[in-house]
Protein backbone atom coordinates (compact mmCIF):
# COMPACT_ATOMS: atom_id res chain seq x y z
CA UNK A 1 -113.73 42.12 28.45
CA UNK A 2 -111.66 45.07 28.00
CA UNK A 3 -108.03 45.32 26.60
CA UNK A 4 -105.41 46.47 28.90
CA UNK A 5 -104.71 50.19 28.52
CA UNK A 6 -100.73 49.68 28.59
CA UNK A 7 -101.16 47.14 25.93
CA UNK A 8 -102.84 49.62 23.66
CA UNK A 9 -100.15 52.08 24.32
CA UNK A 10 -97.70 49.73 22.50
CA UNK A 11 -99.81 48.07 19.87
CA UNK A 12 -99.65 49.13 16.30
CA UNK A 13 -101.27 48.06 13.16
CA UNK A 14 -98.99 45.23 11.66
CA UNK A 15 -99.69 46.59 8.13
CA UNK A 16 -99.12 50.30 8.49
CA UNK A 17 -97.28 50.51 11.71
CA UNK A 18 -99.68 53.23 12.81
CA UNK A 19 -101.78 53.67 16.27
CA UNK A 20 -104.81 51.84 16.73
CA UNK A 21 -107.97 52.94 18.46
CA UNK A 22 -110.20 50.52 20.51
CA UNK A 23 -113.95 50.32 19.73
CA UNK A 24 -115.30 48.68 23.22
CA UNK A 25 -118.55 48.15 21.63
CA UNK A 26 -117.46 45.95 18.55
CA UNK A 27 -114.48 44.70 20.61
CA UNK A 28 -112.16 45.72 17.75
CA UNK A 29 -108.90 47.73 17.28
CA UNK A 30 -109.19 49.86 14.37
CA UNK A 31 -106.48 51.12 12.01
CA UNK A 32 -108.00 53.92 10.14
CA UNK A 33 -104.91 54.41 7.98
CA UNK A 34 -105.11 50.63 6.81
CA UNK A 35 -109.01 50.42 6.70
CA UNK A 36 -108.90 47.40 8.99
CA UNK A 37 -110.45 46.23 12.43
CA UNK A 38 -108.73 43.43 14.36
CA UNK A 39 -110.91 41.40 16.60
CA UNK A 40 -110.22 41.20 20.00
CA UNK A 41 -111.41 37.74 21.64
CA UNK A 42 -111.70 37.47 24.98
CA UNK A 43 -109.48 40.35 25.88
CA UNK A 44 -106.74 39.15 23.59
CA UNK A 45 -106.03 41.06 20.37
CA UNK A 46 -105.70 39.19 17.21
CA UNK A 47 -103.35 41.26 14.97
CA UNK A 48 -103.35 38.86 12.05
CA UNK A 49 -104.24 41.06 8.84
CA UNK A 50 -105.99 38.03 7.55
CA UNK A 51 -108.33 37.94 10.51
CA UNK A 52 -109.26 41.61 10.26
CA UNK A 53 -112.38 42.89 8.57
CA UNK A 54 -112.05 45.87 6.04
CA UNK A 55 -113.81 48.93 7.24
CA UNK A 56 -116.59 50.72 5.43
CA UNK A 57 -115.70 54.35 4.52
CA UNK A 58 -118.41 55.51 7.20
CA UNK A 59 -116.40 53.65 9.96
CA UNK A 60 -113.13 55.37 9.40
CA UNK A 61 -111.80 58.52 10.87
CA UNK A 62 -109.38 60.74 9.56
CA UNK A 63 -105.72 59.74 10.06
């Protein structure tokens, strides 16, 4: 299940307030600036820092 594209346009990282990118394969919203991946469950982004996983260096893109 994908995230609504209009929703992706307005969502930001709750930690850094930076833009997010969507990883369709892993069903996560990625904040490269914070180094966090927020899960998307049943099409609903879970935007809680305590629910996010930390990204490995290889997973991050330059901000």
